[in-house]
PDB file of N, CA and C in Angstrom:
ATOM      1  N   MET A   1     -33.858 -79.842   1.141  1.00  0.00           N
ATOM      2  CA  MET A   1     -35.129 -79.187   1.393  1.00  0.00           C
ATOM      3  C   MET A   1     -35.455 -79.178   2.882  1.00  0.00           C
ATOM      4  N   GLN A   2     -35.231 -80.324   3.552  1.00  0.00           N
ATOM      5  CA  GLN A   2     -35.559 -80.410   4.973  1.00  0.00           C
ATOM      6  C   GLN A   2     -34.727 -79.431   5.794  1.00  0.00           C
ATOM      7  N   LEU A   3     -33.475 -79.233   5.385  1.00  0.00           N
ATOM      8  CA  LEU A   3     -32.619 -78.289   6.096  1.00  0.00           C
ATOM      9  C   LEU A   3     -33.168 -76.874   5.958  1.00  0.00           C
ATOM     10  N   LEU A   4     -33.602 -76.516   4.762  1.00  0.00           N
ATOM     11  CA  LEU A   4     -34.183 -75.183   4.551  1.00  0.00           C
ATOM     12  C   LEU A   4     -35.461 -75.006   5.359  1.00  0.00           C
ATOM     13  N   VAL A   5     -36.265 -76.040   5.428  1.00  0.00           N
ATOM     14  CA  VAL A   5     -37.500 -75.970   6.214  1.00  0.00           C
ATOM     15  C   VAL A   5     -37.164 -75.750   7.688  1.00  0.00           C
ATOM     16  N   SER A   6     -36.162 -76.452   8.184  1.00  0.00           N
ATOM     17  CA  SER A   6     -35.806 -76.299   9.593  1.00  0.00           C
ATOM     18  C   SER A   6     -35.183 -74.936   9.878  1.00  0.00           C
ATOM     19  N   ILE A   7     -34.475 -74.371   8.920  1.00  0.00           N
ATOM     20  CA  ILE A   7     -33.842 -73.062   9.116  1.00  0.00           C
ATOM     21  C   ILE A   7     -34.868 -71.938   9.037  1.00  0.00           C
ATOM     22  N   THR A   8     -35.701 -71.978   8.011  1.00  0.00           N
ATOM     23  CA  THR A   8     -36.642 -70.884   7.800  1.00  0.00           C
ATOM     24  C   THR A   8     -37.899 -71.020   8.651  1.00  0.00           C
ATOM     25  N   GLY A   9     -38.247 -72.224   9.019  1.00  0.00           N
ATOM     26  CA  GLY A   9     -39.464 -72.434   9.794  1.00  0.00           C
ATOM     27  C   GLY A   9     -40.714 -72.432   8.935  1.00  0.00           C
ATOM     28  N   SER A  10     -40.551 -72.283   7.644  1.00  0.00           N
ATOM     29  CA  SER A  10     -41.677 -72.262   6.717  1.00  0.00           C
ATOM     30  C   SER A  10     -41.765 -73.605   5.995  1.00  0.00           C
ATOM     31  N   GLN A  11     -42.974 -74.075   5.782  1.00  0.00           N
ATOM     32  CA  GLN A  11     -43.165 -75.334   5.072  1.00  0.00           C
ATOM     33  C   GLN A  11     -43.081 -75.151   3.560  1.00  0.00           C
ATOM     34  N   LYS A  12     -43.254 -73.912   3.090  1.00  0.00           N
ATOM     35  CA  LYS A  12     -43.210 -73.642   1.656  1.00  0.00           C
ATOM     36  C   LYS A  12     -41.842 -73.089   1.279  1.00  0.00           C
ATOM     37  N   ILE A  13     -41.076 -73.896   0.564  1.00  0.00           N
ATOM     38  CA  ILE A  13     -39.773 -73.485   0.057  1.00  0.00           C
ATOM     39  C   ILE A  13     -39.867 -73.517  -1.462  1.00  0.00           C
ATOM     40  N   SER A  14     -39.702 -72.357  -2.069  1.00  0.00           N
ATOM     41  CA  SER A  14     -39.821 -72.291  -3.521  1.00  0.00           C
ATOM     42  C   SER A  14     -38.518 -72.748  -4.185  1.00  0.00           C
ATOM     43  N   LEU A  15     -38.629 -73.123  -5.435  1.00  0.00           N
ATOM     44  CA  LEU A  15     -37.468 -73.564  -6.193  1.00  0.00           C
ATOM     45  C   LEU A  15     -36.433 -72.449  -6.329  1.00  0.00           C
ATOM     46  N   PRO A  16     -36.836 -71.200  -6.625  1.00  0.00           N
ATOM     47  CA  PRO A  16     -35.830 -70.134  -6.700  1.00  0.00           C
ATOM     48  C   PRO A  16     -35.078 -69.938  -5.375  1.00  0.00           C
ATOM     49  N   MET A  17     -35.779 -70.080  -4.260  1.00  0.00           N
ATOM     50  CA  MET A  17     -35.114 -69.936  -2.967  1.00  0.00           C
ATOM     51  C   MET A  17     -34.084 -71.044  -2.771  1.00  0.00           C
ATOM     52  N   THR A  18     -34.418 -72.254  -3.170  1.00  0.00           N
ATOM     53  CA  THR A  18     -33.492 -73.377  -3.080  1.00  0.00           C
ATOM     54  C   THR A  18     -32.258 -73.121  -3.931  1.00  0.00           C
ATOM     55  N   ILE A  19     -32.443 -72.605  -5.123  1.00  0.00           N
ATOM     56  CA  ILE A  19     -31.330 -72.318  -6.029  1.00  0.00           C
ATOM     57  C   ILE A  19     -30.425 -71.244  -5.441  1.00  0.00           C
ATOM     58  N   VAL A  20     -31.004 -70.218  -4.852  1.00  0.00           N
ATOM     59  CA  VAL A  20     -30.220 -69.136  -4.248  1.00  0.00           C
ATOM     60  C   VAL A  20     -29.388 -69.664  -3.081  1.00  0.00           C
ATOM     61  N   VAL A  21     -29.994 -70.451  -2.216  1.00  0.00           N
ATOM     62  CA  VAL A  21     -29.276 -70.993  -1.060  1.00  0.00           C
ATOM     63  C   VAL A  21     -28.160 -71.921  -1.516  1.00  0.00           C
ATOM     64  N   CYS A  22     -28.411 -72.735  -2.539  1.00  0.00           N
ATOM     65  CA  CYS A  22     -27.366 -73.608  -3.076  1.00  0.00           C
ATOM     66  C   CYS A  22     -26.211 -72.787  -3.648  1.00  0.00           C
ATOM     67  N   GLY A  23     -26.526 -71.702  -4.320  1.00  0.00           N
ATOM     68  CA  GLY A  23     -25.492 -70.827  -4.873  1.00  0.00           C
ATOM     69  C   GLY A  23     -24.645 -70.190  -3.785  1.00  0.00           C
ATOM     70  N   ILE A  24     -25.291 -69.726  -2.719  1.00  0.00           N
ATOM     71  CA  ILE A  24     -24.566 -69.110  -1.605  1.00  0.00           C
ATOM     72  C   ILE A  24     -23.661 -70.133  -0.936  1.00  0.00           C
ATOM     73  N   ALA A  25     -24.171 -71.348  -0.748  1.00  0.00           N
ATOM     74  CA  ALA A  25     -23.367 -72.410  -0.138  1.00  0.00           C
ATOM     75  C   ALA A  25     -22.165 -72.747  -1.011  1.00  0.00           C
ATOM     76  N   LYS A  26     -22.368 -72.787  -2.309  1.00  0.00           N
ATOM     77  CA  LYS A  26     -21.278 -73.105  -3.227  1.00  0.00           C
ATOM     78  C   LYS A  26     -20.206 -72.014  -3.187  1.00  0.00           C
ATOM     79  N   MET A  27     -20.640 -70.762  -3.105  1.00  0.00           N
ATOM     80  CA  MET A  27     -19.684 -69.654  -3.015  1.00  0.00           C
ATOM     81  C   MET A  27     -18.883 -69.734  -1.713  1.00  0.00           C
ATOM     82  N   PHE A  28     -19.554 -70.075  -0.621  1.00  0.00           N
ATOM     83  CA  PHE A  28     -18.863 -70.177   0.663  1.00  0.00           C
ATOM     84  C   PHE A  28     -17.825 -71.289   0.637  1.00  0.00           C
ATOM     85  N   VAL A  29     -18.186 -72.434   0.097  1.00  0.00           N
ATOM     86  CA  VAL A  29     -17.243 -73.551   0.015  1.00  0.00           C
ATOM     87  C   VAL A  29     -16.057 -73.177  -0.879  1.00  0.00           C
ATOM     88  N   GLY A  30     -16.324 -72.481  -1.964  1.00  0.00           N
ATOM     89  CA  GLY A  30     -15.240 -72.020  -2.841  1.00  0.00           C
ATOM     90  C   GLY A  30     -14.289 -71.084  -2.114  1.00  0.00           C
ATOM     91  N   GLU A  31     -14.843 -70.148  -1.350  1.00  0.00           N
ATOM     92  CA  GLU A  31     -14.029 -69.232  -0.559  1.00  0.00           C
ATOM     93  C   GLU A  31     -13.206 -69.995   0.483  1.00  0.00           C
ATOM     94  N   LEU A  32     -13.820 -70.981   1.109  1.00  0.00           N
ATOM     95  CA  LEU A  32     -13.135 -71.780   2.124  1.00  0.00           C
ATOM     96  C   LEU A  32     -11.962 -72.555   1.510  1.00  0.00           C
ATOM     97  N   VAL A  33     -12.193 -73.172   0.360  1.00  0.00           N
ATOM     98  CA  VAL A  33     -11.140 -73.939  -0.307  1.00  0.00           C
ATOM     99  C   VAL A  33     -10.020 -73.005  -0.775  1.00  0.00           C
ATOM    100  N   GLU A  34     -10.389 -71.856  -1.309  1.00  0.00           N
ATOM    101  CA  GLU A  34      -9.390 -70.892  -1.767  1.00  0.00           C
ATOM    102  C   GLU A  34      -8.507 -70.429  -0.599  1.00  0.00           C
ATOM    103  N   THR A  35      -9.122 -70.143   0.532  1.00  0.00           N
ATOM    104  CA  THR A  35      -8.370 -69.725   1.708  1.00  0.00           C
ATOM    105  C   THR A  35      -7.504 -70.864   2.231  1.00  0.00           C
ATOM    106  N   ALA A  36      -8.018 -72.089   2.188  1.00  0.00           N
ATOM    107  CA  ALA A  36      -7.231 -73.247   2.617  1.00  0.00           C
ATOM    108  C   ALA A  36      -6.005 -73.426   1.721  1.00  0.00           C
ATOM    109  N   ARG A  37      -6.156 -73.182   0.438  1.00  0.00           N
ATOM    110  CA  ARG A  37      -5.011 -73.260  -0.474  1.00  0.00           C
ATOM    111  C   ARG A  37      -3.980 -72.183  -0.139  1.00  0.00           C
ATOM    112  N   MET A  38      -4.446 -70.991   0.255  1.00  0.00           N
ATOM    113  CA  MET A  38      -3.534 -69.926   0.664  1.00  0.00           C
ATOM    114  C   MET A  38      -2.773 -70.339   1.924  1.00  0.00           C
ATOM    115  N   VAL A  39      -3.468 -70.984   2.854  1.00  0.00           N
ATOM    116  CA  VAL A  39      -2.827 -71.476   4.080  1.00  0.00           C
ATOM    117  C   VAL A  39      -1.735 -72.469   3.713  1.00  0.00           C
ATOM    118  N   MET A  40      -2.040 -73.370   2.792  1.00  0.00           N
ATOM    119  CA  MET A  40      -1.049 -74.358   2.363  1.00  0.00           C
ATOM    120  C   MET A  40       0.172 -73.677   1.741  1.00  0.00           C
ATOM    121  N   ALA A  41      -0.068 -72.653   0.924  1.00  0.00           N
ATOM    122  CA  ALA A  41       1.044 -71.938   0.281  1.00  0.00           C
ATOM    123  C   ALA A  41       1.902 -71.228   1.324  1.00  0.00           C
ATOM    124  N   GLU A  42       1.273 -70.625   2.328  1.00  0.00           N
ATOM    125  CA  GLU A  42       2.022 -69.944   3.384  1.00  0.00           C
ATOM    126  C   GLU A  42       2.887 -70.920   4.167  1.00  0.00           C
ATOM    127  N   ARG A  43       2.385 -72.129   4.357  1.00  0.00           N
ATOM    128  CA  ARG A  43       3.130 -73.152   5.104  1.00  0.00           C
ATOM    129  C   ARG A  43       4.072 -73.948   4.206  1.00  0.00           C
ATOM    130  N   LYS A  44       4.106 -73.582   2.915  1.00  0.00           N
ATOM    131  CA  LYS A  44       4.941 -74.269   1.925  1.00  0.00           C
ATOM    132  C   LYS A  44       4.651 -75.768   1.880  1.00  0.00           C
ATOM    133  N   GLU A  45       3.368 -76.103   1.871  1.00  0.00           N
ATOM    134  CA  GLU A  45       2.937 -77.497   1.791  1.00  0.00           C
ATOM    135  C   GLU A  45       2.260 -77.725   0.443  1.00  0.00           C
ATOM    136  N   SER A  46       2.250 -78.962  -0.002  1.00  0.00           N
ATOM    137  CA  SER A  46       1.595 -79.297  -1.263  1.00  0.00           C
ATOM    138  C   SER A  46       0.766 -80.554  -1.065  1.00  0.00           C
ATOM    139  N   GLY A  47       0.043 -80.925  -2.111  1.00  0.00           N
ATOM    140  CA  GLY A  47      -0.803 -82.108  -2.025  1.00  0.00           C
ATOM    141  C   GLY A  47      -2.240 -81.734  -1.736  1.00  0.00           C
ATOM    142  N   PRO A  48      -3.017 -82.693  -1.245  1.00  0.00           N
ATOM    143  CA  PRO A  48      -4.433 -82.423  -0.981  1.00  0.00           C
ATOM    144  C   PRO A  48      -4.619 -81.531   0.250  1.00  0.00           C
ATOM    145  N   ILE A  49      -5.750 -80.862   0.285  1.00  0.00           N
ATOM    146  CA  ILE A  49      -6.096 -80.034   1.440  1.00  0.00           C
ATOM    147  C   ILE A  49      -6.417 -80.972   2.602  1.00  0.00           C
ATOM    148  N   ARG A  50      -5.813 -80.698   3.753  1.00  0.00           N
ATOM    149  CA  ARG A  50      -6.053 -81.509   4.941  1.00  0.00           C
ATOM    150  C   ARG A  50      -7.001 -80.770   5.882  1.00  0.00           C
ATOM    151  N   PRO A  51      -7.588 -81.490   6.835  1.00  0.00           N
ATOM    152  CA  PRO A  51      -8.512 -80.854   7.776  1.00  0.00           C
ATOM    153  C   PRO A  51      -7.910 -79.660   8.521  1.00  0.00           C
ATOM    154  N   CYS A  52      -6.622 -79.705   8.836  1.00  0.00           N
ATOM    155  CA  CYS A  52      -5.995 -78.578   9.526  1.00  0.00           C
ATOM    156  C   CYS A  52      -6.020 -77.318   8.669  1.00  0.00           C
ATOM    157  N   HIS A  53      -5.924 -77.478   7.345  1.00  0.00           N
ATOM    158  CA  HIS A  53      -5.999 -76.328   6.440  1.00  0.00           C
ATOM    159  C   HIS A  53      -7.420 -75.762   6.418  1.00  0.00           C
ATOM    160  N   ILE A  54      -8.409 -76.646   6.390  1.00  0.00           N
ATOM    161  CA  ILE A  54      -9.808 -76.213   6.384  1.00  0.00           C
ATOM    162  C   ILE A  54     -10.139 -75.482   7.679  1.00  0.00           C
ATOM    163  N   ARG A  55      -9.681 -76.019   8.807  1.00  0.00           N
ATOM    164  CA  ARG A  55      -9.955 -75.378  10.100  1.00  0.00           C
ATOM    165  C   ARG A  55      -9.338 -73.992  10.174  1.00  0.00           C
ATOM    166  N   GLU A  56      -8.098 -73.856   9.696  1.00  0.00           N
ATOM    167  CA  GLU A  56      -7.437 -72.554   9.714  1.00  0.00           C
ATOM    168  C   GLU A  56      -8.135 -71.580   8.761  1.00  0.00           C
ATOM    169  N   ALA A  57      -8.555 -72.073   7.606  1.00  0.00           N
ATOM    170  CA  ALA A  57      -9.274 -71.222   6.655  1.00  0.00           C
ATOM    171  C   ALA A  57     -10.599 -70.748   7.245  1.00  0.00           C
ATOM    172  N   TYR A  58     -11.302 -71.644   7.908  1.00  0.00           N
ATOM    173  CA  TYR A  58     -12.571 -71.279   8.552  1.00  0.00           C
ATOM    174  C   TYR A  58     -12.335 -70.232   9.640  1.00  0.00           C
ATOM    175  N   ARG A  59     -11.275 -70.414  10.423  1.00  0.00           N
ATOM    176  CA  ARG A  59     -10.952 -69.458  11.486  1.00  0.00           C
ATOM    177  C   ARG A  59     -10.685 -68.077  10.897  1.00  0.00           C
ATOM    178  N   ARG A  60      -9.924 -68.030   9.782  1.00  0.00           N
ATOM    179  CA  ARG A  60      -9.617 -66.745   9.140  1.00  0.00           C
ATOM    180  C   ARG A  60     -10.865 -66.087   8.570  1.00  0.00           C
ATOM    181  N   LEU A  61     -11.714 -66.877   7.931  1.00  0.00           N
ATOM    182  CA  LEU A  61     -12.947 -66.317   7.371  1.00  0.00           C
ATOM    183  C   LEU A  61     -13.852 -65.800   8.483  1.00  0.00           C
ATOM    184  N   LYS A  62     -13.869 -66.486   9.604  1.00  0.00           N
ATOM    185  CA  LYS A  62     -14.679 -66.052  10.737  1.00  0.00           C
ATOM    186  C   LYS A  62     -14.171 -64.720  11.286  1.00  0.00           C
ATOM    187  N   LEU A  63     -12.845 -64.565  11.359  1.00  0.00           N
ATOM    188  CA  LEU A  63     -12.258 -63.308  11.816  1.00  0.00           C
ATOM    189  C   LEU A  63     -12.580 -62.154  10.872  1.00  0.00           C
ATOM    190  N   GLU A  64     -12.678 -62.458   9.571  1.00  0.00           N
ATOM    191  CA  GLU A  64     -13.002 -61.441   8.571  1.00  0.00           C
ATOM    192  C   GLU A  64     -14.496 -61.117   8.534  1.00  0.00           C
ATOM    193  N   GLY A  65     -15.291 -61.886   9.259  1.00  0.00           N
ATOM    194  CA  GLY A  65     -16.730 -61.654   9.268  1.00  0.00           C
ATOM    195  C   GLY A  65     -17.458 -62.264   8.082  1.00  0.00           C
ATOM    196  N   LYS A  66     -16.847 -63.222   7.429  1.00  0.00           N
ATOM    197  CA  LYS A  66     -17.459 -63.852   6.256  1.00  0.00           C
ATOM    198  C   LYS A  66     -18.243 -65.116   6.586  1.00  0.00           C
ATOM    199  N   VAL A  67     -18.268 -65.491   7.875  1.00  0.00           N
ATOM    200  CA  VAL A  67     -19.033 -66.661   8.310  1.00  0.00           C
ATOM    201  C   VAL A  67     -20.268 -66.152   9.043  1.00  0.00           C
ATOM    202  N   PRO A  68     -21.452 -66.550   8.595  1.00  0.00           N
ATOM    203  CA  PRO A  68     -22.664 -66.080   9.279  1.00  0.00           C
ATOM    204  C   PRO A  68     -22.738 -66.594  10.708  1.00  0.00           C
ATOM    205  N   ARG A  69     -23.259 -65.762  11.596  1.00  0.00           N
ATOM    206  CA  ARG A  69     -23.394 -66.158  12.992  1.00  0.00           C
ATOM    207  C   ARG A  69     -24.661 -66.963  13.178  1.00  0.00           C
ATOM    208  N   ARG A  70     -24.669 -67.770  14.213  1.00  0.00           N
ATOM    209  CA  ARG A  70     -25.843 -68.594  14.515  1.00  0.00           C
ATOM    210  C   ARG A  70     -26.950 -67.724  15.070  1.00  0.00           C
ATOM    211  N   SER A  71     -28.156 -67.947  14.585  1.00  0.00           N
ATOM    212  CA  SER A  71     -29.296 -67.232  15.127  1.00  0.00           C
ATOM    213  C   SER A  71     -29.999 -68.075  16.184  1.00  0.00           C
ATOM    214  N   VAL A  72     -29.762 -69.384  16.159  1.00  0.00           N
ATOM    215  CA  VAL A  72     -30.371 -70.307  17.104  1.00  0.00           C
ATOM    216  C   VAL A  72     -29.248 -70.998  17.872  1.00  0.00           C
ATOM    217  N   GLN A  73     -29.398 -71.118  19.168  1.00  0.00           N
ATOM    218  CA  GLN A  73     -28.384 -71.773  19.977  1.00  0.00           C
ATOM    219  C   GLN A  73     -28.320 -73.265  19.653  1.00  0.00           C
ATOM    220  N   ARG A  74     -27.135 -73.852  19.808  1.00  0.00           N
ATOM    221  CA  ARG A  74     -26.973 -75.285  19.607  1.00  0.00           C
ATOM    222  C   ARG A  74     -27.596 -76.037  20.775  1.00  0.00           C
ATOM    223  N   LEU A  75     -28.187 -77.167  20.470  1.00  0.00           N
ATOM    224  CA  LEU A  75     -28.797 -77.982  21.517  1.00  0.00           C
ATOM    225  C   LEU A  75     -27.751 -78.827  22.225  1.00  0.00           C
ATOM    226  N   PHE A  76     -26.793 -79.358  21.467  1.00  0.00           N
ATOM    227  CA  PHE A  76     -25.770 -80.242  22.018  1.00  0.00           C
ATOM    228  C   PHE A  76     -24.399 -79.729  21.649  1.00  0.00           C
ATOM    229  N   ARG A  77     -23.442 -79.998  22.475  1.00  0.00           N
ATOM    230  CA  ARG A  77     -22.065 -79.596  22.166  1.00  0.00           C
ATOM    231  C   ARG A  77     -21.158 -80.774  22.086  1.00  0.00           C
TER     232      ARG A  77
END
């Protein structure tokens, strides 16, 4: 809830809005894991997904335009 408040800037977050955001996040994570599995298959690797697979999957999704861009600049790097 606090994350939604900080993103939207509104103190009133309805339950349906929370459910929608959770659904979108779940879909994104599913897409990320699916792409990471494809990366593993291309590299002929097996076993658990490693951070290098997640990073490559994120990079590919970003190139495809499936990662939302930041609307607010980061404070720290």
